[in-house]
C-alpha atoms as a PDB file:
ATOM      1  CA  UNK A   1       0.078  -0.061   0.000  1.00  0.00           C
ATOM      2  CA  UNK A   2       1.275   3.322  -1.076  1.00  0.00           C
ATOM      3  CA  UNK A   3       1.741   5.804   1.896  1.00  0.00           C
ATOM      4  CA  UNK A   4       0.844   9.447   1.947  1.00  0.00           C
ATOM      5  CA  UNK A   5       4.692  10.163   2.351  1.00  0.00           C
ATOM      6  CA  UNK A   6       5.637   8.456  -0.685  1.00  0.00           C
ATOM      7  CA  UNK A   7       2.865  10.039  -3.026  1.00  0.00           C
ATOM      8  CA  UNK A   8       4.257  13.351  -1.948  1.00  0.00           C
ATOM      9  CA  UNK A   9       7.984  12.427  -2.834  1.00  0.00           C
ATOM     10  CA  UNK A  10       6.720  11.041  -5.992  1.00  0.00           C
ATOM     11  CA  UNK A  11       5.084  14.415  -6.864  1.00  0.00           C
ATOM     12  CA  UNK A  12       8.117  16.392  -5.841  1.00  0.00           C
ATOM     13  CA  UNK A  13      10.234  14.186  -8.213  1.00  0.00           C
ATOM     14  CA  UNK A  14       7.883  14.828 -11.202  1.00  0.00           C
ATOM     15  CA  UNK A  15       7.766  18.508 -10.588  1.00  0.00           C
ATOM     16  CA  UNK A  16      11.605  18.732 -10.370  1.00  0.00           C
ATOM     17  CA  UNK A  17      11.956  16.811 -13.384  1.00  0.00           C
ATOM     18  CA  UNK A  18       9.414  19.201 -15.285  1.00  0.00           C
ATOM     19  CA  UNK A  19      11.341  22.059 -14.053  1.00  0.00           C
ATOM     20  CA  UNK A  20      14.780  20.863 -15.168  1.00  0.00           C
ATOM     21  CA  UNK A  21      14.446  21.404 -19.000  1.00  0.00           C
ATOM     22  CA  UNK A  22      13.074  25.011 -18.196  1.00  0.00           C
ATOM     23  CA  UNK A  23      16.105  25.921 -16.031  1.00  0.00           C
ATOM     24  CA  UNK A  24      18.523  24.464 -18.609  1.00  0.00           C
ATOM     25  CA  UNK A  25      16.886  26.770 -21.320  1.00  0.00           C
ATOM     26  CA  UNK A  26      17.681  29.920 -19.007  1.00  0.00           C
ATOM     27  CA  UNK A  27      19.951  32.067 -21.189  1.00  0.00           C
ATOM     28  CA  UNK A  28      23.352  33.187 -19.904  1.00  0.00           C
ATOM     29  CA  UNK A  29      23.303  36.667 -18.512  1.00  0.00           C
ATOM     30  CA  UNK A  30      24.947  39.322 -21.226  1.00  0.00           C
ATOM     31  CA  UNK A  31      28.480  39.716 -20.494  1.00  0.00           C
ATOM     32  CA  UNK A  32      29.274  43.575 -19.814  1.00  0.00           C
ATOM     33  CA  UNK A  33      32.061  45.157 -22.017  1.00  0.00           C
ATOM     34  CA  UNK A  34      33.361  48.569 -20.552  1.00  0.00           C
ATOM     35  CA  UNK A  35      34.431  51.271 -23.095  1.00  0.00           C
ATOM     36  CA  UNK A  36      36.715  54.193 -22.023  1.00  0.00           C
ATOM     37  CA  UNK A  37      37.752  56.933 -24.425  1.00  0.00           C
ATOM     38  CA  UNK A  38      39.123  60.232 -24.056  1.00  0.00           C
ATOM     39  CA  UNK A  39      37.346  61.396 -27.224  1.00  0.00           C
ATOM     40  CA  UNK A  40      33.516  61.778 -27.690  1.00  0.00           C
ATOM     41  CA  UNK A  41      30.770  59.585 -28.316  1.00  0.00           C
ATOM     42  CA  UNK A  42      30.221  61.134 -31.648  1.00  0.00           C
ATOM     43  CA  UNK A  43      33.644  60.515 -32.689  1.00  0.00           C
ATOM     44  CA  UNK A  44      33.835  56.943 -31.452  1.00  0.00           C
ATOM     45  CA  UNK A  45      30.450  56.164 -32.934  1.00  0.00           C
ATOM     46  CA  UNK A  46      31.803  54.658 -36.061  1.00  0.00           C
ATOM     47  CA  UNK A  47      34.443  52.650 -34.512  1.00  0.00           C
ATOM     48  CA  UNK A  48      32.020  50.992 -31.915  1.00  0.00           C
ATOM     49  CA  UNK A  49      29.822  50.216 -34.799  1.00  0.00           C
ATOM     50  CA  UNK A  50      32.704  48.286 -36.493  1.00  0.00           C
ATOM     51  CA  UNK A  51      33.578  46.446 -33.215  1.00  0.00           C
ATOM     52  CA  UNK A  52      29.977  45.502 -33.026  1.00  0.00           C
ATOM     53  CA  UNK A  53      30.283  44.106 -36.675  1.00  0.00           C
ATOM     54  CA  UNK A  54      33.289  42.113 -35.558  1.00  0.00           C
ATOM     55  CA  UNK A  55      31.396  40.464 -32.764  1.00  0.00           C
ATOM     56  CA  UNK A  56      28.341  39.764 -35.214  1.00  0.00           C
ATOM     57  CA  UNK A  57      30.926  37.994 -37.459  1.00  0.00           C
ATOM     58  CA  UNK A  58      31.878  35.913 -34.324  1.00  0.00           C
ATOM     59  CA  UNK A  59      28.035  35.047 -33.329  1.00  0.00           C
ATOM     60  CA  UNK A  60      27.992  37.363 -30.574  1.00  0.00           C
ATOM     61  CA  UNK A  61      24.431  39.186 -30.497  1.00  0.00           C
ATOM     62  CA  UNK A  62      24.436  42.777 -29.080  1.00  0.00           C
ATOM     63  CA  UNK A  63      21.787  43.118 -26.174  1.00  0.00           C
ATOM     64  CA  UNK A  64      21.490  39.237 -25.833  1.00  0.00           C
ATOM     65  CA  UNK A  65      25.198  38.047 -25.340  1.00  0.00           C
ATOM     66  CA  UNK A  66      26.856  41.266 -24.231  1.00  0.00           C
ATOM     67  CA  UNK A  67      26.420  44.748 -23.801  1.00  0.00           C
ATOM     68  CA  UNK A  68      28.689  47.951 -23.959  1.00  0.00           C
ATOM     69  CA  UNK A  69      28.792  50.428 -21.083  1.00  0.00           C
ATOM     70  CA  UNK A  70      30.662  53.407 -22.344  1.00  0.00           C
ATOM     71  CA  UNK A  71      32.498  56.554 -20.518  1.00  0.00           C
ATOM     72  CA  UNK A  72      33.716  59.265 -22.712  1.00  0.00           C
ATOM     73  CA  UNK A  73      35.889  62.090 -21.233  1.00  0.00           C
ATOM     74  CA  UNK A  74      35.322  64.564 -24.469  1.00  0.00           C
ATOM     75  CA  UNK A  75      38.794  65.824 -24.390  1.00  0.00           C
ATOM     76  CA  UNK A  76      38.825  66.709 -20.769  1.00  0.00           C
ATOM     77  CA  UNK A  77      41.905  65.352 -19.458  1.00  0.00           C
ATOM     78  CA  UNK A  78      41.094  65.782 -15.898  1.00  0.00           C
ATOM     79  CA  UNK A  79      37.945  63.773 -16.031  1.00  0.00           C
ATOM     80  CA  UNK A  80      39.822  60.743 -17.705  1.00  0.00           C
ATOM     81  CA  UNK A  81      41.052  59.402 -14.219  1.00  0.00           C
ATOM     82  CA  UNK A  82      37.590  59.715 -12.537  1.00  0.00           C
ATOM     83  CA  UNK A  83      35.630  58.087 -15.588  1.00  0.00           C
ATOM     84  CA  UNK A  84      38.388  55.298 -15.903  1.00  0.00           C
ATOM     85  CA  UNK A  85      37.808  54.430 -12.049  1.00  0.00           C
ATOM     86  CA  UNK A  86      33.927  54.642 -12.020  1.00  0.00           C
ATOM     87  CA  UNK A  87      33.953  52.249 -15.059  1.00  0.00           C
ATOM     88  CA  UNK A  88      36.361  49.712 -13.350  1.00  0.00           C
ATOM     89  CA  UNK A  89      34.042  49.833 -10.047  1.00  0.00           C
ATOM     90  CA  UNK A  90      31.227  48.631 -12.164  1.00  0.00           C
ATOM     91  CA  UNK A  91      33.226  45.252 -12.659  1.00  0.00           C
ATOM     92  CA  UNK A  92      32.683  44.843 -16.197  1.00  0.00           C
ATOM     93  CA  UNK A  93      33.824  41.457 -17.793  1.00  0.00           C
ATOM     94  CA  UNK A  94      36.180  43.241 -20.142  1.00  0.00           C
ATOM     95  CA  UNK A  95      37.529  46.810 -20.714  1.00  0.00           C
ATOM     96  CA  UNK A  96      38.055  48.153 -24.043  1.00  0.00           C
ATOM     97  CA  UNK A  97      39.817  51.344 -24.981  1.00  0.00           C
ATOM     98  CA  UNK A  98      41.203  52.899 -28.064  1.00  0.00           C
ATOM     99  CA  UNK A  99      44.843  54.082 -27.188  1.00  0.00           C
ATOM    100  CA  UNK A 100      47.672  54.309 -24.825  1.00  0.00           C
ATOM    101  CA  UNK A 101      46.174  57.226 -22.416  1.00  0.00           C
ATOM    102  CA  UNK A 102      43.086  55.076 -21.557  1.00  0.00           C
ATOM    103  CA  UNK A 103      45.051  51.750 -21.537  1.00  0.00           C
ATOM    104  CA  UNK A 104      47.416  53.188 -18.886  1.00  0.00           C
ATOM    105  CA  UNK A 105      44.768  54.703 -16.776  1.00  0.00           C
ATOM    106  CA  UNK A 106      42.858  51.486 -16.495  1.00  0.00           C
ATOM    107  CA  UNK A 107      45.997  49.285 -16.043  1.00  0.00           C
ATOM    108  CA  UNK A 108      46.885  51.445 -13.103  1.00  0.00           C
ATOM    109  CA  UNK A 109      43.324  50.768 -11.558  1.00  0.00           C
ATOM    110  CA  UNK A 110      42.767  47.033 -12.052  1.00  0.00           C
ATOM    111  CA  UNK A 111      45.510  44.183 -12.469  1.00  0.00           C
ATOM    112  CA  UNK A 112      42.254  41.598 -12.881  1.00  0.00           C
ATOM    113  CA  UNK A 113      39.822  42.642 -15.500  1.00  0.00           C
ATOM    114  CA  UNK A 114      41.024  42.001 -18.967  1.00  0.00           C
ATOM    115  CA  UNK A 115      41.867  45.183 -21.060  1.00  0.00           C
ATOM    116  CA  UNK A 116      41.818  45.241 -24.856  1.00  0.00           C
ATOM    117  CA  UNK A 117      43.312  48.235 -26.379  1.00  0.00           C
ATOM    118  CA  UNK A 118      42.462  48.779 -30.174  1.00  0.00           C
ATOM    119  CA  UNK A 119      45.377  51.127 -31.310  1.00  0.00           C
ATOM    120  CA  UNK A 120      48.263  51.716 -28.669  1.00  0.00           C
ATOM    121  CA  UNK A 121      51.540  53.171 -29.833  1.00  0.00           C
ATOM    122  CA  UNK A 122      53.988  51.665 -27.261  1.00  0.00           C
ATOM    123  CA  UNK A 123      52.320  49.215 -24.880  1.00  0.00           C
ATOM    124  CA  UNK A 124      55.734  47.841 -23.863  1.00  0.00           C
ATOM    125  CA  UNK A 125      57.305  51.133 -23.456  1.00  0.00           C
ATOM    126  CA  UNK A 126      54.291  52.125 -21.345  1.00  0.00           C
ATOM    127  CA  UNK A 127      54.531  49.020 -19.031  1.00  0.00           C
ATOM    128  CA  UNK A 128      51.204  47.470 -19.845  1.00  0.00           C
ATOM    129  CA  UNK A 129      52.971  44.591 -21.559  1.00  0.00           C
ATOM    130  CA  UNK A 130      56.296  42.610 -21.058  1.00  0.00           C
ATOM    131  CA  UNK A 131      56.620  41.870 -24.725  1.00  0.00           C
ATOM    132  CA  UNK A 132      54.386  42.034 -27.994  1.00  0.00           C
ATOM    133  CA  UNK A 133      54.516  38.365 -28.284  1.00  0.00           C
ATOM    134  CA  UNK A 134      53.662  37.516 -24.624  1.00  0.00           C
ATOM    135  CA  UNK A 135      52.249  40.637 -22.881  1.00  0.00           C
ATOM    136  CA  UNK A 136      51.913  38.736 -19.555  1.00  0.00           C
ATOM    137  CA  UNK A 137      49.497  40.933 -17.871  1.00  0.00           C
ATOM    138  CA  UNK A 138      46.102  41.698 -18.030  1.00  0.00           C
ATOM    139  CA  UNK A 139      46.236  44.063 -21.407  1.00  0.00           C
ATOM    140  CA  UNK A 140      46.440  43.191 -24.825  1.00  0.00           C
ATOM    141  CA  UNK A 141      45.115  44.311 -28.331  1.00  0.00           C
ATOM    142  CA  UNK A 142      46.541  46.325 -31.516  1.00  0.00           C
ATOM    143  CA  UNK A 143      49.406  48.731 -32.053  1.00  0.00           C
ATOM    144  CA  UNK A 144      49.281  51.428 -34.577  1.00  0.00           C
ATOM    145  CA  UNK A 145      52.943  52.200 -35.060  1.00  0.00           C
ATOM    146  CA  UNK A 146      52.340  55.768 -35.049  1.00  0.00           C
ATOM    147  CA  UNK A 147      55.868  56.670 -34.342  1.00  0.00           C
ATOM    148  CA  UNK A 148      57.138  54.667 -37.443  1.00  0.00           C
ATOM    149  CA  UNK A 149      54.436  56.197 -39.497  1.00  0.00           C
ATOM    150  CA  UNK A 150      55.261  59.871 -38.879  1.00  0.00           C
ATOM    151  CA  UNK A 151      57.997  60.140 -41.515  1.00  0.00           C
ATOM    152  CA  UNK A 152      55.969  58.343 -44.059  1.00  0.00           C
ATOM    153  CA  UNK A 153      53.322  60.954 -43.536  1.00  0.00           C
ATOM    154  CA  UNK A 154      55.798  63.930 -43.855  1.00  0.00           C
ATOM    155  CA  UNK A 155      56.883  62.177 -47.022  1.00  0.00           C
ATOM    156  CA  UNK A 156      53.551  61.921 -48.493  1.00  0.00           C
ATOM    157  CA  UNK A 157      53.068  65.623 -47.808  1.00  0.00           C
ATOM    158  CA  UNK A 158      55.987  66.457 -49.405  1.00  0.00           C
ATOM    159  CA  UNK A 159      55.323  64.628 -52.337  1.00  0.00           C
ATOM    160  CA  UNK A 160      51.726  66.079 -52.792  1.00  0.00           C
ATOM    161  CA  UNK A 161      53.225  69.679 -52.190  1.00  0.00           C
ATOM    162  CA  UNK A 162      56.631  69.530 -53.356  1.00  0.00           C
ATOM    163  CA  UNK A 163      57.233  73.317 -52.872  1.00  0.00           C
ATOM    164  CA  UNK A 164      56.619  72.924 -49.148  1.00  0.00           C
ATOM    165  CA  UNK A 165      59.923  73.639 -47.332  1.00  0.00           C
ATOM    166  CA  UNK A 166      58.641  74.669 -43.807  1.00  0.00           C
ATOM    167  CA  UNK A 167      56.125  72.777 -41.783  1.00  0.00           C
ATOM    168  CA  UNK A 168      54.296  73.435 -38.540  1.00  0.00           C
ATOM    169  CA  UNK A 169      54.215  70.194 -36.288  1.00  0.00           C
ATOM    170  CA  UNK A 170      51.218  70.341 -33.951  1.00  0.00           C
ATOM    171  CA  UNK A 171      51.565  68.012 -30.993  1.00  0.00           C
ATOM    172  CA  UNK A 172      50.598  67.278 -27.432  1.00  0.00           C
ATOM    173  CA  UNK A 173      53.597  67.679 -25.075  1.00  0.00           C
ATOM    174  CA  UNK A 174      51.730  65.898 -22.326  1.00  0.00           C
ATOM    175  CA  UNK A 175      51.086  62.827 -24.383  1.00  0.00           C
ATOM    176  CA  UNK A 176      54.195  60.366 -24.644  1.00  0.00           C
ATOM    177  CA  UNK A 177      52.812  58.942 -27.956  1.00  0.00           C
ATOM    178  CA  UNK A 178      52.606  62.512 -29.525  1.00  0.00           C
ATOM    179  CA  UNK A 179      56.047  63.479 -28.109  1.00  0.00           C
ATOM    180  CA  UNK A 180      57.665  60.289 -29.498  1.00  0.00           C
ATOM    181  CA  UNK A 181      55.840  61.036 -33.025  1.00  0.00           C
ATOM    182  CA  UNK A 182      56.974  64.574 -33.119  1.00  0.00           C
ATOM    183  CA  UNK A 183      60.695  63.482 -32.546  1.00  0.00           C
ATOM    184  CA  UNK A 184      60.496  60.758 -35.244  1.00  0.00           C
ATOM    185  CA  UNK A 185      59.027  63.523 -37.788  1.00  0.00           C
ATOM    186  CA  UNK A 186      61.934  65.991 -36.543  1.00  0.00           C
ATOM    187  CA  UNK A 187      64.551  63.277 -37.372  1.00  0.00           C
ATOM    188  CA  UNK A 188      63.545  62.578 -40.690  1.00  0.00           C
ATOM    189  CA  UNK A 189      62.534  66.412 -41.672  1.00  0.00           C
ATOM    190  CA  UNK A 190      66.296  66.908 -42.687  1.00  0.00           C
ATOM    191  CA  UNK A 191      66.551  64.045 -45.011  1.00  0.00           C
ATOM    192  CA  UNK A 192      63.384  65.179 -46.715  1.00  0.00           C
ATOM    193  CA  UNK A 193      64.701  68.803 -46.983  1.00  0.00           C
ATOM    194  CA  UNK A 194      61.831  70.336 -44.869  1.00  0.00           C
ATOM    195  CA  UNK A 195      62.068  72.529 -41.842  1.00  0.00           C
ATOM    196  CA  UNK A 196      59.881  71.734 -38.721  1.00  0.00           C
ATOM    197  CA  UNK A 197      58.631  74.191 -36.195  1.00  0.00           C
ATOM    198  CA  UNK A 198      56.967  72.180 -33.104  1.00  0.00           C
ATOM    199  CA  UNK A 199      54.232  74.042 -31.638  1.00  0.00           C
ATOM    200  CA  UNK A 200      52.198  72.662 -28.558  1.00  0.00           C
ATOM    201  CA  UNK A 201      48.492  71.934 -27.967  1.00  0.00           C
ATOM    202  CA  UNK A 202      47.292  71.452 -24.289  1.00  0.00           C
ATOM    203  CA  UNK A 203      43.979  73.032 -24.091  1.00  0.00           C
ATOM    204  CA  UNK A 204      41.066  74.510 -26.383  1.00  0.00           C
ATOM    205  CA  UNK A 205      42.434  77.916 -26.046  1.00  0.00           C
ATOM    206  CA  UNK A 206      45.721  76.865 -27.449  1.00  0.00           C
ATOM    207  CA  UNK A 207      44.173  75.938 -31.069  1.00  0.00           C
ATOM    208  CA  UNK A 208      43.698  79.196 -32.532  1.00  0.00           C
ATOM    209  CA  UNK A 209      46.906  80.632 -30.958  1.00  0.00           C
ATOM    210  CA  UNK A 210      48.841  77.516 -32.673  1.00  0.00           C
ATOM    211  CA  UNK A 211      47.441  78.564 -36.119  1.00  0.00           C
ATOM    212  CA  UNK A 212      48.237  82.306 -35.337  1.00  0.00           C
ATOM    213  CA  UNK A 213      51.728  81.078 -34.251  1.00  0.00           C
ATOM    214  CA  UNK A 214      51.980  78.910 -37.564  1.00  0.00           C
ATOM    215  CA  UNK A 215      51.076  82.064 -39.555  1.00  0.00           C
ATOM    216  CA  UNK A 216      53.702  84.166 -37.967  1.00  0.00           C
ATOM    217  CA  UNK A 217      56.385  81.711 -38.501  1.00  0.00           C
ATOM    218  CA  UNK A 218      55.276  81.447 -42.291  1.00  0.00           C
ATOM    219  CA  UNK A 219      54.511  77.879 -42.289  1.00  0.00           C
ATOM    220  CA  UNK A 220      53.664  76.344 -45.492  1.00  0.00           C
ATOM    221  CA  UNK A 221      52.021  73.378 -44.222  1.00  0.00           C
ATOM    222  CA  UNK A 222      50.895  71.504 -40.977  1.00  0.00           C
ATOM    223  CA  UNK A 223      51.392  68.083 -39.720  1.00  0.00           C
ATOM    224  CA  UNK A 224      48.817  67.362 -37.089  1.00  0.00           C
ATOM    225  CA  UNK A 225      49.863  64.321 -34.771  1.00  0.00           C
ATOM    226  CA  UNK A 226      47.572  62.330 -32.364  1.00  0.00           C
ATOM    227  CA  UNK A 227      47.077  62.544 -28.684  1.00  0.00           C
ATOM    228  CA  UNK A 228      44.456  62.361 -26.021  1.00  0.00           C
ATOM    229  CA  UNK A 229      43.417  66.074 -26.018  1.00  0.00           C
ATOM    230  CA  UNK A 230      44.070  66.506 -29.927  1.00  0.00           C
ATOM    231  CA  UNK A 231      41.928  63.563 -31.033  1.00  0.00           C
ATOM    232  CA  UNK A 232      38.860  64.990 -28.920  1.00  0.00           C
ATOM    233  CA  UNK A 233      39.073  68.263 -30.899  1.00  0.00           C
ATOM    234  CA  UNK A 234      38.694  66.955 -34.612  1.00  0.00           C
ATOM    235  CA  UNK A 235      36.649  69.548 -35.881  1.00  0.00           C
ATOM    236  CA  UNK A 236      38.446  72.503 -34.365  1.00  0.00           C
ATOM    237  CA  UNK A 237      41.545  71.677 -35.520  1.00  0.00           C
ATOM    238  CA  UNK A 238      40.531  70.475 -39.052  1.00  0.00           C
ATOM    239  CA  UNK A 239      38.482  74.077 -39.100  1.00  0.00           C
ATOM    240  CA  UNK A 240      41.726  75.819 -38.106  1.00  0.00           C
ATOM    241  CA  UNK A 241      43.560  74.353 -41.108  1.00  0.00           C
ATOM    242  CA  UNK A 242      40.840  75.265 -43.323  1.00  0.00           C
ATOM    243  CA  UNK A 243      41.091  78.673 -42.481  1.00  0.00           C
ATOM    244  CA  UNK A 244      44.758  78.819 -42.719  1.00  0.00           C
ATOM    245  CA  UNK A 245      44.425  77.672 -46.494  1.00  0.00           C
ATOM    246  CA  UNK A 246      47.586  75.657 -46.552  1.00  0.00           C
ATOM    247  CA  UNK A 247      48.048  71.765 -46.534  1.00  0.00           C
ATOM    248  CA  UNK A 248      48.182  69.478 -43.822  1.00  0.00           C
ATOM    249  CA  UNK A 249      48.521  65.935 -43.005  1.00  0.00           C
ATOM    250  CA  UNK A 250      46.837  64.210 -40.267  1.00  0.00           C
ATOM    251  CA  UNK A 251      47.328  61.356 -38.012  1.00  0.00           C
ATOM    252  CA  UNK A 252      44.140  59.631 -38.212  1.00  0.00           C
ATOM    253  CA  UNK A 253      41.254  59.332 -40.665  1.00  0.00           C
ATOM    254  CA  UNK A 254      38.667  60.992 -38.519  1.00  0.00           C
ATOM    255  CA  UNK A 255      40.362  64.508 -38.980  1.00  0.00           C
ATOM    256  CA  UNK A 256      39.742  64.177 -42.770  1.00  0.00           C
ATOM    257  CA  UNK A 257      36.526  62.773 -42.272  1.00  0.00           C
ATOM    258  CA  UNK A 258      35.773  65.956 -40.176  1.00  0.00           C
ATOM    259  CA  UNK A 259      36.999  68.154 -42.866  1.00  0.00           C
ATOM    260  CA  UNK A 260      40.779  67.905 -42.800  1.00  0.00           C
ATOM    261  CA  UNK A 261      42.882  67.658 -46.333  1.00  0.00           C
ATOM    262  CA  UNK A 262      44.733  64.080 -45.804  1.00  0.00           C
ATOM    263  CA  UNK A 263      45.661  61.438 -43.684  1.00  0.00           C
ATOM    264  CA  UNK A 264      47.835  58.310 -43.580  1.00  0.00           C
ATOM    265  CA  UNK A 265      47.118  55.954 -40.728  1.00  0.00           C
ATOM    266  CA  UNK A 266      45.822  52.447 -40.129  1.00  0.00           C
ATOM    267  CA  UNK A 267      42.234  51.815 -40.666  1.00  0.00           C
ATOM    268  CA  UNK A 268      40.619  52.798 -37.029  1.00  0.00           C
ATOM    269  CA  UNK A 269      37.333  50.637 -38.032  1.00  0.00           C
ATOM    270  CA  UNK A 270      39.511  47.729 -39.075  1.00  0.00           C
ATOM    271  CA  UNK A 271      41.397  48.022 -35.789  1.00  0.00           C
ATOM    272  CA  UNK A 272      38.253  47.786 -33.785  1.00  0.00           C
ATOM    273  CA  UNK A 273      36.797  45.201 -35.774  1.00  0.00           C
ATOM    274  CA  UNK A 274      39.874  42.955 -35.170  1.00  0.00           C
ATOM    275  CA  UNK A 275      39.491  43.783 -31.692  1.00  0.00           C
ATOM    276  CA  UNK A 276      36.260  41.703 -31.561  1.00  0.00           C
ATOM    277  CA  UNK A 277      38.573  38.840 -31.772  1.00  0.00           C
ATOM    278  CA  UNK A 278      40.416  39.415 -28.757  1.00  0.00           C
ATOM    279  CA  UNK A 279      37.159  40.190 -26.711  1.00  0.00           C
ATOM    280  CA  UNK A 280      35.748  36.714 -28.139  1.00  0.00           C
ATOM    281  CA  UNK A 281      38.675  34.674 -27.029  1.00  0.00           C
ATOM    282  CA  UNK A 282      38.856  36.401 -23.413  1.00  0.00           C
ATOM    283  CA  UNK A 283      35.019  36.201 -23.014  1.00  0.00           C
ATOM    284  CA  UNK A 284      35.309  32.559 -23.467  1.00  0.00           C
ATOM    285  CA  UNK A 285      38.162  32.070 -20.941  1.00  0.00           C
ATOM    286  CA  UNK A 286      41.432  33.122 -22.461  1.00  0.00           C
ATOM    287  CA  UNK A 287      44.002  35.193 -20.629  1.00  0.00           C
ATOM    288  CA  UNK A 288      44.835  38.294 -22.165  1.00  0.00           C
ATOM    289  CA  UNK A 289      48.573  37.825 -21.068  1.00  0.00           C
ATOM    290  CA  UNK A 290      48.765  34.779 -23.395  1.00  0.00           C
ATOM    291  CA  UNK A 291      47.290  36.551 -26.377  1.00  0.00           C
ATOM    292  CA  UNK A 292      50.344  38.398 -28.669  1.00  0.00           C
ATOM    293  CA  UNK A 293      49.695  41.764 -29.539  1.00  0.00           C
ATOM    294  CA  UNK A 294      49.368  42.456 -33.101  1.00  0.00           C
ATOM    295  CA  UNK A 295      50.207  44.875 -35.547  1.00  0.00           C
ATOM    296  CA  UNK A 296      47.985  46.688 -38.198  1.00  0.00           C
ATOM    297  CA  UNK A 297      47.642  45.266 -41.605  1.00  0.00           C
ATOM    298  CA  UNK A 298      45.277  47.680 -43.106  1.00  0.00           C
ATOM    299  CA  UNK A 299      46.521  51.380 -43.942  1.00  0.00           C
ATOM    300  CA  UNK A 300      44.592  54.356 -45.544  1.00  0.00           C
ATOM    301  CA  UNK A 301      45.785  57.172 -47.623  1.00  0.00           C
ATOM    302  CA  UNK A 302      42.333  59.354 -47.193  1.00  0.00           C
ATOM    303  CA  UNK A 303      42.195  62.651 -49.374  1.00  0.00           C
ATOM    304  CA  UNK A 304      39.085  65.299 -49.011  1.00  0.00           C
ATOM    305  CA  UNK A 305      38.826  66.682 -52.182  1.00  0.00           C
ATOM    306  CA  UNK A 306      36.057  69.084 -51.014  1.00  0.00           C
ATOM    307  CA  UNK A 307      38.380  70.605 -48.586  1.00  0.00           C
ATOM    308  CA  UNK A 308      41.237  70.835 -51.470  1.00  0.00           C
ATOM    309  CA  UNK A 309      38.982  72.587 -53.609  1.00  0.00           C
ATOM    310  CA  UNK A 310      37.685  74.835 -50.926  1.00  0.00           C
ATOM    311  CA  UNK A 311      41.209  75.879 -50.050  1.00  0.00           C
ATOM    312  CA  UNK A 312      42.320  76.141 -53.674  1.00  0.00           C
ATOM    313  CA  UNK A 313      44.845  73.483 -53.573  1.00  0.00           C
ATOM    314  CA  UNK A 314      45.584  71.137 -56.286  1.00  0.00           C
ATOM    315  CA  UNK A 315      46.418  67.224 -55.394  1.00  0.00           C
ATOM    316  CA  UNK A 316      48.628  65.732 -57.986  1.00  0.00           C
ATOM    317  CA  UNK A 317      47.026  62.895 -59.997  1.00  0.00           C
ATOM    318  CA  UNK A 318      49.910  60.731 -58.776  1.00  0.00           C
ATOM    319  CA  UNK A 319      48.497  61.062 -55.153  1.00  0.00           C
ATOM    320  CA  UNK A 320      45.048  60.738 -55.960  1.00  0.00           C
ATOM    321  CA  UNK A 321      45.886  57.212 -57.688  1.00  0.00           C
ATOM    322  CA  UNK A 322      47.391  56.197 -54.514  1.00  0.00           C
ATOM    323  CA  UNK A 323      44.480  57.163 -52.270  1.00  0.00           C
ATOM    324  CA  UNK A 324      42.354  54.520 -50.668  1.00  0.00           C
ATOM    325  CA  UNK A 325      39.561  56.704 -50.234  1.00  0.00           C
ATOM    326  CA  UNK A 326      38.501  60.124 -51.691  1.00  0.00           C
ATOM    327  CA  UNK A 327      35.946  62.492 -50.221  1.00  0.00           C
ATOM    328  CA  UNK A 328      34.043  64.293 -53.062  1.00  0.00           C
END
């Protein structure tokens, strides 16, 4: 004879068996990726879209499998450390940042949360990685080899405008990457028959002053380097060059898309798309310190013909034929 206790136990077992499939079907919570940039949300939007495209290619669905929690310093250097600390305190599964300043800030705050950088100039020199082949810490990603590209940019500017003999070099003295780029360009200038006048940019008020200084020095062209502050002021710097009505070479494509004349740089969107591969591996259990730091594979010569026409400048056909993209 079946007892009441045996009936209750049987019913409980059936209820548990029925619940198990439902429990097994519960989706895993979305992984959180914290994004930090010294630039603005508007400037970073195309890059983050490229990152999401890369994640989609790897079968990650935004909103279901992962979310991005972003912080933007909007070019205010003093805001950077606080925003970085706030982001780390939210305990994301992974941190994503474009360049050296953000990488350094995040690496100083956490040694456990994985950090992926999309375009670092010198991760070994900055102390966030032991080597390119085996970073060893909690940070890895892609470099931009900006230091090596500086002389190439000056060379392309000289080829496009052979009469240019004096260049004003806009750089950011508080940014280590910007300073190293400036040194490489100055070292290459004599070989290319160009005199270089460095001009510092530290704050918004320096932008107009820099172009007045360039005019007073009778500079015939500008080379604008990258940096935490400079990158956040793309439109203001591009407009300053437009008013000066002389040629200029920029360190990122974003400046040319904002109205600058020409740039030669790794494709930032390609870099962001490739970092999705790092995020995929790390979120699946890989250690960032075991993932080699990679170099860019795609470079773009971008020319804004709309700007050239507005400034009354003629771009040689030989340069136009070499351009990867031309903005009409």
